[in-house]
N, C-alpha and C. Protein backbone atom coordinates (compact mmCIF):
# COMPACT_ATOMS: atom_id res chain seq x y z
N UNK A 1 -34.46 21.29 -21.84
CA UNK A 1 -33.59 20.57 -22.74
C UNK A 1 -32.12 20.92 -22.38
N UNK A 2 -31.29 19.91 -22.24
CA UNK A 2 -29.88 20.21 -21.87
C UNK A 2 -29.11 20.90 -22.98
N UNK A 3 -28.13 21.70 -22.61
CA UNK A 3 -27.30 22.40 -23.57
C UNK A 3 -26.14 21.51 -23.96
N UNK A 4 -26.09 21.09 -25.18
CA UNK A 4 -25.02 20.21 -25.71
C UNK A 4 -24.03 20.98 -26.57
N UNK A 5 -24.07 22.29 -26.52
CA UNK A 5 -23.21 23.10 -27.39
C UNK A 5 -21.74 23.14 -26.93
N UNK A 6 -21.49 23.08 -25.65
CA UNK A 6 -20.13 23.20 -25.19
C UNK A 6 -19.63 21.97 -24.48
N UNK A 7 -18.36 21.99 -24.14
CA UNK A 7 -17.80 20.85 -23.42
C UNK A 7 -18.33 20.78 -21.96
N UNK A 8 -18.30 19.62 -21.39
CA UNK A 8 -18.77 19.51 -20.01
C UNK A 8 -17.82 20.35 -19.08
N UNK A 9 -18.40 20.77 -17.97
CA UNK A 9 -17.66 21.57 -17.02
C UNK A 9 -16.43 20.83 -16.46
N UNK A 10 -16.57 19.55 -16.30
CA UNK A 10 -15.45 18.69 -15.84
C UNK A 10 -15.29 17.54 -16.84
N UNK A 11 -14.08 17.04 -16.94
CA UNK A 11 -13.82 15.94 -17.84
C UNK A 11 -14.69 14.74 -17.44
N UNK A 12 -15.25 14.01 -18.39
CA UNK A 12 -16.01 12.84 -18.05
C UNK A 12 -15.12 11.84 -17.26
N UNK A 13 -15.70 11.20 -16.26
CA UNK A 13 -14.95 10.32 -15.39
C UNK A 13 -14.26 9.21 -16.20
N UNK A 14 -14.99 8.64 -17.15
CA UNK A 14 -14.40 7.57 -17.97
C UNK A 14 -13.19 8.03 -18.70
N UNK A 15 -13.23 9.26 -19.23
CA UNK A 15 -12.07 9.79 -19.94
C UNK A 15 -10.89 9.99 -19.03
N UNK A 16 -11.13 10.50 -17.83
CA UNK A 16 -10.07 10.70 -16.83
C UNK A 16 -9.50 9.35 -16.38
N UNK A 17 -10.36 8.41 -16.15
CA UNK A 17 -9.92 7.05 -15.76
C UNK A 17 -9.10 6.37 -16.85
N UNK A 18 -9.55 6.50 -18.10
CA UNK A 18 -8.76 5.93 -19.23
C UNK A 18 -7.42 6.54 -19.35
N UNK A 19 -7.33 7.88 -19.19
CA UNK A 19 -6.03 8.56 -19.28
C UNK A 19 -5.13 8.13 -18.15
N UNK A 20 -5.65 8.02 -16.94
CA UNK A 20 -4.85 7.58 -15.80
C UNK A 20 -4.36 6.13 -16.01
N UNK A 21 -5.24 5.25 -16.49
CA UNK A 21 -4.87 3.87 -16.71
C UNK A 21 -3.78 3.74 -17.80
N UNK A 22 -3.91 4.59 -18.81
CA UNK A 22 -2.91 4.58 -19.86
C UNK A 22 -1.51 4.99 -19.33
N UNK A 23 -1.51 6.05 -18.54
CA UNK A 23 -0.25 6.55 -17.95
C UNK A 23 0.37 5.57 -16.98
N UNK A 24 -0.47 4.96 -16.10
CA UNK A 24 0.04 3.96 -15.18
C UNK A 24 0.54 2.74 -15.94
N UNK A 25 -0.15 2.35 -16.97
CA UNK A 25 0.29 1.22 -17.78
C UNK A 25 1.57 1.51 -18.51
N UNK A 26 1.72 2.72 -19.05
CA UNK A 26 2.99 3.10 -19.72
C UNK A 26 4.16 3.04 -18.75
N UNK A 27 3.96 3.55 -17.53
CA UNK A 27 5.04 3.56 -16.53
C UNK A 27 5.42 2.12 -16.18
N UNK A 28 4.42 1.26 -15.99
CA UNK A 28 4.70 -0.14 -15.63
C UNK A 28 5.40 -0.87 -16.78
N UNK A 29 4.94 -0.64 -18.03
CA UNK A 29 5.59 -1.24 -19.20
C UNK A 29 7.04 -0.80 -19.27
N UNK A 30 7.30 0.47 -19.05
CA UNK A 30 8.70 0.97 -19.10
C UNK A 30 9.55 0.36 -18.02
N UNK A 31 9.00 0.20 -16.81
CA UNK A 31 9.75 -0.41 -15.73
C UNK A 31 10.07 -1.89 -16.01
N UNK A 32 9.06 -2.59 -16.54
CA UNK A 32 9.28 -4.01 -16.93
C UNK A 32 10.32 -4.10 -18.02
N UNK A 33 10.25 -3.23 -19.04
CA UNK A 33 11.20 -3.26 -20.14
C UNK A 33 12.61 -3.01 -19.65
N UNK A 34 12.75 -2.07 -18.72
CA UNK A 34 14.09 -1.77 -18.18
C UNK A 34 14.70 -2.97 -17.47
N UNK A 35 13.84 -3.87 -16.97
CA UNK A 35 14.30 -5.08 -16.27
C UNK A 35 14.34 -6.28 -17.26
N UNK A 36 14.15 -6.02 -18.55
CA UNK A 36 14.24 -7.08 -19.52
C UNK A 36 12.94 -7.87 -19.70
N UNK A 37 11.82 -7.28 -19.31
CA UNK A 37 10.55 -8.00 -19.38
C UNK A 37 9.49 -7.23 -20.17
N UNK A 38 8.30 -7.75 -20.11
CA UNK A 38 7.11 -7.08 -20.74
C UNK A 38 5.89 -7.48 -19.93
N UNK A 39 4.79 -6.82 -20.19
CA UNK A 39 3.53 -7.15 -19.49
C UNK A 39 3.15 -8.58 -19.74
N UNK A 40 3.21 -9.07 -20.97
CA UNK A 40 2.80 -10.42 -21.24
C UNK A 40 3.72 -11.44 -20.57
N UNK A 41 5.02 -11.17 -20.56
CA UNK A 41 5.93 -12.08 -19.88
C UNK A 41 5.65 -12.08 -18.41
N UNK A 42 5.42 -10.93 -17.79
CA UNK A 42 5.11 -10.84 -16.36
C UNK A 42 3.85 -11.63 -16.06
N UNK A 43 2.77 -11.45 -16.85
CA UNK A 43 1.51 -12.15 -16.59
C UNK A 43 1.69 -13.66 -16.69
N UNK A 44 2.44 -14.10 -17.66
CA UNK A 44 2.66 -15.57 -17.82
C UNK A 44 3.47 -16.12 -16.66
N UNK A 45 4.56 -15.44 -16.30
CA UNK A 45 5.39 -15.86 -15.18
C UNK A 45 4.61 -15.87 -13.87
N UNK A 46 3.76 -14.84 -13.68
CA UNK A 46 2.97 -14.77 -12.46
C UNK A 46 1.95 -15.93 -12.40
N UNK A 47 1.28 -16.17 -13.47
CA UNK A 47 0.29 -17.27 -13.49
C UNK A 47 0.96 -18.63 -13.26
N UNK A 48 2.08 -18.85 -13.84
CA UNK A 48 2.78 -20.15 -13.66
C UNK A 48 3.31 -20.28 -12.22
N UNK A 49 3.86 -19.20 -11.70
CA UNK A 49 4.47 -19.24 -10.34
C UNK A 49 3.38 -19.43 -9.29
N UNK A 50 2.23 -18.80 -9.44
CA UNK A 50 1.16 -18.88 -8.44
C UNK A 50 0.33 -20.12 -8.63
N UNK A 51 0.61 -20.93 -9.64
CA UNK A 51 -0.11 -22.18 -9.82
C UNK A 51 -1.53 -22.03 -10.39
N UNK A 52 -1.81 -20.82 -11.00
CA UNK A 52 -3.13 -20.62 -11.55
C UNK A 52 -3.30 -21.37 -12.89
N UNK A 53 -2.22 -21.86 -13.44
CA UNK A 53 -2.31 -22.51 -14.75
C UNK A 53 -1.15 -23.47 -14.93
N UNK A 54 -1.46 -24.59 -15.62
CA UNK A 54 -0.41 -25.52 -16.03
C UNK A 54 -0.42 -25.72 -17.52
N UNK A 55 -1.64 -25.86 -18.08
CA UNK A 55 -1.71 -26.09 -19.50
C UNK A 55 -1.75 -24.76 -20.23
N UNK A 56 -1.45 -24.81 -21.53
CA UNK A 56 -1.47 -23.60 -22.33
C UNK A 56 -2.90 -22.99 -22.35
N UNK A 57 -3.92 -23.81 -22.39
CA UNK A 57 -5.30 -23.32 -22.40
C UNK A 57 -5.64 -22.62 -21.07
N UNK A 58 -5.24 -23.24 -19.95
CA UNK A 58 -5.46 -22.59 -18.66
C UNK A 58 -4.69 -21.30 -18.53
N UNK A 59 -3.48 -21.30 -19.08
CA UNK A 59 -2.67 -20.10 -19.05
C UNK A 59 -3.30 -18.94 -19.84
N UNK A 60 -3.85 -19.28 -21.01
CA UNK A 60 -4.51 -18.25 -21.82
C UNK A 60 -5.67 -17.66 -21.07
N UNK A 61 -6.46 -18.51 -20.37
CA UNK A 61 -7.61 -18.01 -19.62
C UNK A 61 -7.11 -17.16 -18.40
N UNK A 62 -6.05 -17.60 -17.74
CA UNK A 62 -5.59 -16.92 -16.55
C UNK A 62 -5.05 -15.57 -16.85
N UNK A 63 -4.36 -15.38 -17.98
CA UNK A 63 -3.76 -14.09 -18.30
C UNK A 63 -4.58 -13.26 -19.25
N UNK A 64 -5.67 -13.82 -19.78
CA UNK A 64 -6.56 -13.04 -20.67
C UNK A 64 -5.96 -12.77 -22.03
N UNK A 65 -5.16 -13.71 -22.53
CA UNK A 65 -4.53 -13.60 -23.84
C UNK A 65 -5.11 -14.69 -24.72
N UNK A 66 -5.48 -14.36 -25.95
CA UNK A 66 -5.99 -15.32 -26.90
C UNK A 66 -4.98 -16.43 -27.18
N UNK A 67 -5.43 -17.62 -27.47
CA UNK A 67 -4.55 -18.76 -27.68
C UNK A 67 -3.41 -18.54 -28.67
N UNK A 68 -3.73 -17.98 -29.86
CA UNK A 68 -2.70 -17.78 -30.84
C UNK A 68 -1.65 -16.76 -30.38
N UNK A 69 -2.09 -15.69 -29.74
CA UNK A 69 -1.20 -14.68 -29.22
C UNK A 69 -0.32 -15.27 -28.11
N UNK A 70 -0.93 -16.08 -27.24
CA UNK A 70 -0.17 -16.71 -26.19
C UNK A 70 0.89 -17.65 -26.77
N UNK A 71 0.52 -18.36 -27.81
CA UNK A 71 1.48 -19.31 -28.43
C UNK A 71 2.69 -18.54 -28.93
N UNK A 72 2.48 -17.38 -29.50
CA UNK A 72 3.56 -16.54 -29.95
C UNK A 72 4.44 -16.08 -28.79
N UNK A 73 3.82 -15.63 -27.69
CA UNK A 73 4.58 -15.22 -26.51
C UNK A 73 5.35 -16.37 -25.92
N UNK A 74 4.76 -17.53 -25.81
CA UNK A 74 5.41 -18.67 -25.24
C UNK A 74 6.58 -19.14 -26.09
N UNK A 75 6.45 -19.04 -27.40
CA UNK A 75 7.56 -19.38 -28.29
C UNK A 75 8.79 -18.51 -27.98
N UNK A 76 8.54 -17.21 -27.81
CA UNK A 76 9.63 -16.29 -27.45
C UNK A 76 10.22 -16.59 -26.09
N UNK A 77 9.32 -16.88 -25.14
CA UNK A 77 9.78 -17.17 -23.78
C UNK A 77 10.57 -18.49 -23.75
N UNK A 78 10.13 -19.46 -24.58
CA UNK A 78 10.84 -20.72 -24.66
C UNK A 78 12.19 -20.54 -25.31
N UNK A 79 12.28 -19.73 -26.34
CA UNK A 79 13.55 -19.44 -26.99
C UNK A 79 14.52 -18.73 -26.05
N UNK A 80 13.93 -17.91 -25.12
CA UNK A 80 14.77 -17.20 -24.16
C UNK A 80 15.13 -18.08 -22.97
N UNK A 81 14.62 -19.30 -22.95
CA UNK A 81 14.94 -20.21 -21.89
C UNK A 81 14.13 -20.01 -20.58
N UNK A 82 12.99 -19.29 -20.68
CA UNK A 82 12.19 -18.98 -19.48
C UNK A 82 11.18 -20.09 -19.19
N UNK A 83 10.66 -20.76 -20.22
CA UNK A 83 9.68 -21.83 -20.03
C UNK A 83 10.04 -23.00 -20.94
N UNK A 84 9.46 -24.14 -20.62
CA UNK A 84 9.50 -25.28 -21.50
C UNK A 84 8.04 -25.72 -21.73
N UNK A 85 7.78 -26.33 -22.88
CA UNK A 85 6.45 -26.87 -23.15
C UNK A 85 6.58 -28.35 -23.45
N UNK A 86 5.61 -29.07 -22.94
CA UNK A 86 5.59 -30.54 -23.22
C UNK A 86 4.13 -31.01 -23.31
N UNK A 87 3.99 -32.14 -23.98
CA UNK A 87 2.64 -32.71 -24.17
C UNK A 87 2.22 -33.45 -22.87
N UNK A 88 0.94 -33.35 -22.51
CA UNK A 88 0.38 -34.10 -21.43
C UNK A 88 0.43 -35.58 -21.80
N UNK A 89 1.04 -36.42 -21.00
CA UNK A 89 1.17 -37.85 -21.36
C UNK A 89 -0.16 -38.57 -21.60
N UNK A 90 -1.18 -38.19 -20.85
CA UNK A 90 -2.47 -38.90 -21.02
C UNK A 90 -3.40 -38.25 -22.05
N UNK A 91 -3.07 -37.07 -22.54
CA UNK A 91 -3.84 -36.39 -23.54
C UNK A 91 -2.90 -35.53 -24.34
N UNK A 92 -2.42 -36.08 -25.44
CA UNK A 92 -1.40 -35.46 -26.28
C UNK A 92 -1.84 -34.11 -26.85
N UNK A 93 -3.12 -33.81 -26.82
CA UNK A 93 -3.61 -32.54 -27.38
C UNK A 93 -3.33 -31.38 -26.39
N UNK A 94 -3.10 -31.72 -25.12
CA UNK A 94 -2.88 -30.72 -24.08
C UNK A 94 -1.37 -30.41 -23.97
N UNK A 95 -1.02 -29.14 -24.05
CA UNK A 95 0.37 -28.71 -23.91
C UNK A 95 0.55 -28.12 -22.52
N UNK A 96 1.50 -28.65 -21.75
CA UNK A 96 1.82 -28.16 -20.43
C UNK A 96 2.96 -27.18 -20.51
N UNK A 97 2.96 -26.15 -19.67
CA UNK A 97 4.00 -25.13 -19.66
C UNK A 97 4.65 -25.17 -18.29
N UNK A 98 5.98 -25.21 -18.24
CA UNK A 98 6.72 -25.20 -16.99
C UNK A 98 7.75 -24.06 -16.99
N UNK A 99 7.99 -23.54 -15.82
CA UNK A 99 9.05 -22.55 -15.66
C UNK A 99 10.39 -23.25 -15.57
N UNK A 100 11.41 -22.63 -16.15
CA UNK A 100 12.79 -23.09 -15.97
C UNK A 100 13.41 -22.31 -14.83
N UNK A 101 14.64 -22.63 -14.50
CA UNK A 101 15.34 -21.83 -13.47
C UNK A 101 15.47 -20.43 -13.93
N UNK A 102 15.76 -20.20 -15.22
CA UNK A 102 15.85 -18.82 -15.72
C UNK A 102 14.50 -18.14 -15.63
N UNK A 103 13.42 -18.88 -15.84
CA UNK A 103 12.07 -18.30 -15.70
C UNK A 103 11.77 -17.92 -14.28
N UNK A 104 12.22 -18.73 -13.35
CA UNK A 104 12.01 -18.42 -11.92
C UNK A 104 12.79 -17.16 -11.55
N UNK A 105 14.02 -17.04 -12.08
CA UNK A 105 14.82 -15.86 -11.80
C UNK A 105 14.19 -14.62 -12.42
N UNK A 106 13.67 -14.75 -13.65
CA UNK A 106 12.97 -13.65 -14.29
C UNK A 106 11.75 -13.24 -13.50
N UNK A 107 11.00 -14.23 -12.98
CA UNK A 107 9.84 -13.89 -12.16
C UNK A 107 10.28 -13.06 -10.98
N UNK A 108 11.29 -13.46 -10.26
CA UNK A 108 11.75 -12.73 -9.06
C UNK A 108 12.16 -11.28 -9.42
N UNK A 109 12.86 -11.14 -10.55
CA UNK A 109 13.32 -9.85 -11.00
C UNK A 109 12.09 -8.95 -11.35
N UNK A 110 11.14 -9.50 -12.08
CA UNK A 110 9.97 -8.70 -12.47
C UNK A 110 9.02 -8.50 -11.27
N UNK A 111 8.99 -9.40 -10.33
CA UNK A 111 8.18 -9.23 -9.12
C UNK A 111 8.72 -8.03 -8.38
N UNK A 112 10.04 -7.86 -8.29
CA UNK A 112 10.59 -6.70 -7.60
C UNK A 112 10.18 -5.41 -8.31
N UNK A 113 10.16 -5.46 -9.64
CA UNK A 113 9.74 -4.29 -10.44
C UNK A 113 8.26 -3.98 -10.15
N UNK A 114 7.41 -5.02 -10.11
CA UNK A 114 5.99 -4.81 -9.85
C UNK A 114 5.73 -4.28 -8.43
N UNK A 115 6.47 -4.76 -7.48
CA UNK A 115 6.32 -4.28 -6.10
C UNK A 115 6.72 -2.80 -6.01
N UNK A 116 7.84 -2.46 -6.63
CA UNK A 116 8.30 -1.07 -6.63
C UNK A 116 7.33 -0.16 -7.37
N UNK A 117 6.78 -0.63 -8.51
CA UNK A 117 5.81 0.17 -9.23
C UNK A 117 4.56 0.40 -8.40
N UNK A 118 4.11 -0.63 -7.70
CA UNK A 118 2.96 -0.49 -6.83
C UNK A 118 3.20 0.49 -5.70
N UNK A 119 4.41 0.43 -5.12
CA UNK A 119 4.77 1.36 -4.06
C UNK A 119 4.74 2.79 -4.57
N UNK A 120 5.29 2.97 -5.76
CA UNK A 120 5.31 4.32 -6.38
C UNK A 120 3.88 4.80 -6.67
N UNK A 121 3.06 3.88 -7.15
CA UNK A 121 1.67 4.22 -7.48
C UNK A 121 0.90 4.68 -6.21
N UNK A 122 1.15 4.00 -5.11
CA UNK A 122 0.43 4.27 -3.88
C UNK A 122 1.06 5.42 -3.05
N UNK A 123 2.14 5.98 -3.48
CA UNK A 123 2.80 7.06 -2.74
C UNK A 123 1.82 8.17 -2.44
N UNK A 124 1.77 8.62 -1.20
CA UNK A 124 0.91 9.72 -0.82
C UNK A 124 -0.51 9.30 -0.48
N UNK A 125 -0.85 8.06 -0.66
CA UNK A 125 -2.19 7.59 -0.31
C UNK A 125 -2.14 6.99 1.10
N UNK A 126 -3.08 7.44 1.95
CA UNK A 126 -3.16 6.80 3.25
C UNK A 126 -4.03 5.54 3.10
N UNK A 127 -4.06 4.68 4.03
CA UNK A 127 -4.81 3.42 3.93
C UNK A 127 -6.31 3.65 3.63
N UNK A 128 -6.91 4.69 4.16
CA UNK A 128 -8.33 4.96 3.85
C UNK A 128 -8.49 5.37 2.38
N UNK A 129 -7.57 6.20 1.87
CA UNK A 129 -7.60 6.59 0.45
C UNK A 129 -7.49 5.35 -0.46
N UNK A 130 -6.54 4.50 -0.09
CA UNK A 130 -6.34 3.30 -0.89
C UNK A 130 -7.57 2.40 -0.87
N UNK A 131 -8.16 2.20 0.29
CA UNK A 131 -9.36 1.38 0.40
C UNK A 131 -10.50 1.99 -0.39
N UNK A 132 -10.64 3.31 -0.30
CA UNK A 132 -11.72 3.98 -1.05
C UNK A 132 -11.51 3.86 -2.59
N UNK A 133 -10.25 4.01 -3.01
CA UNK A 133 -9.90 3.89 -4.42
C UNK A 133 -10.28 2.46 -4.91
N UNK A 134 -9.92 1.47 -4.15
CA UNK A 134 -10.20 0.11 -4.54
C UNK A 134 -11.73 -0.12 -4.62
N UNK A 135 -12.49 0.42 -3.65
CA UNK A 135 -13.96 0.26 -3.71
C UNK A 135 -14.53 0.95 -4.93
N UNK A 136 -14.07 2.19 -5.20
CA UNK A 136 -14.60 2.92 -6.33
C UNK A 136 -14.22 2.25 -7.64
N UNK A 137 -13.01 1.80 -7.78
CA UNK A 137 -12.61 1.11 -9.01
C UNK A 137 -13.44 -0.15 -9.22
N UNK A 138 -13.66 -0.88 -8.17
CA UNK A 138 -14.49 -2.09 -8.31
C UNK A 138 -15.92 -1.72 -8.70
N UNK A 139 -16.48 -0.70 -8.13
CA UNK A 139 -17.82 -0.26 -8.47
C UNK A 139 -17.87 0.19 -9.94
N UNK A 140 -16.92 0.94 -10.38
CA UNK A 140 -16.88 1.39 -11.78
C UNK A 140 -16.78 0.17 -12.72
N UNK A 141 -15.99 -0.79 -12.35
CA UNK A 141 -15.89 -2.00 -13.20
C UNK A 141 -17.20 -2.73 -13.22
N UNK A 142 -17.86 -2.86 -12.05
CA UNK A 142 -19.14 -3.57 -11.98
C UNK A 142 -20.22 -2.79 -12.78
N UNK A 143 -20.13 -1.47 -12.80
CA UNK A 143 -21.10 -0.67 -13.50
C UNK A 143 -21.12 -0.95 -15.01
N UNK A 144 -19.96 -1.29 -15.58
CA UNK A 144 -19.91 -1.49 -17.01
C UNK A 144 -19.75 -2.97 -17.40
N UNK A 145 -19.60 -3.82 -16.43
CA UNK A 145 -19.49 -5.27 -16.73
C UNK A 145 -20.79 -5.77 -17.29
N UNK A 146 -20.67 -6.72 -18.25
CA UNK A 146 -21.83 -7.28 -18.89
C UNK A 146 -22.59 -8.06 -18.02
């Protein structure tokens, strides 16, 4: 019978991974905020720029944000002049989202932040370490995916 009286000899992998993800996320959020952005803004700008989404529904799926939450984010981005929204001419129920020039500039600014954050994150990793990390992370994700 296993001894459950004391803590494990090493921290559970999931706990360590969660703590690392939280710290990496906090650092990225802070870098985006310093450049006048946020994670949700970055994800929306990235999806629009890469052509993964045109409609608000496609955008919600591409960035993993619920419809109502995305509507709130888009309203703020529209007020800031980063995007415009318009109805699809052939289906008025579909709302299309477009980047403005200010949105394109914001994308470039936040892309630079993302690239620098990724460089900082990978500092000290050789290509084999990075490849192994990617394989392990993918396996861990697959292990818990439904």
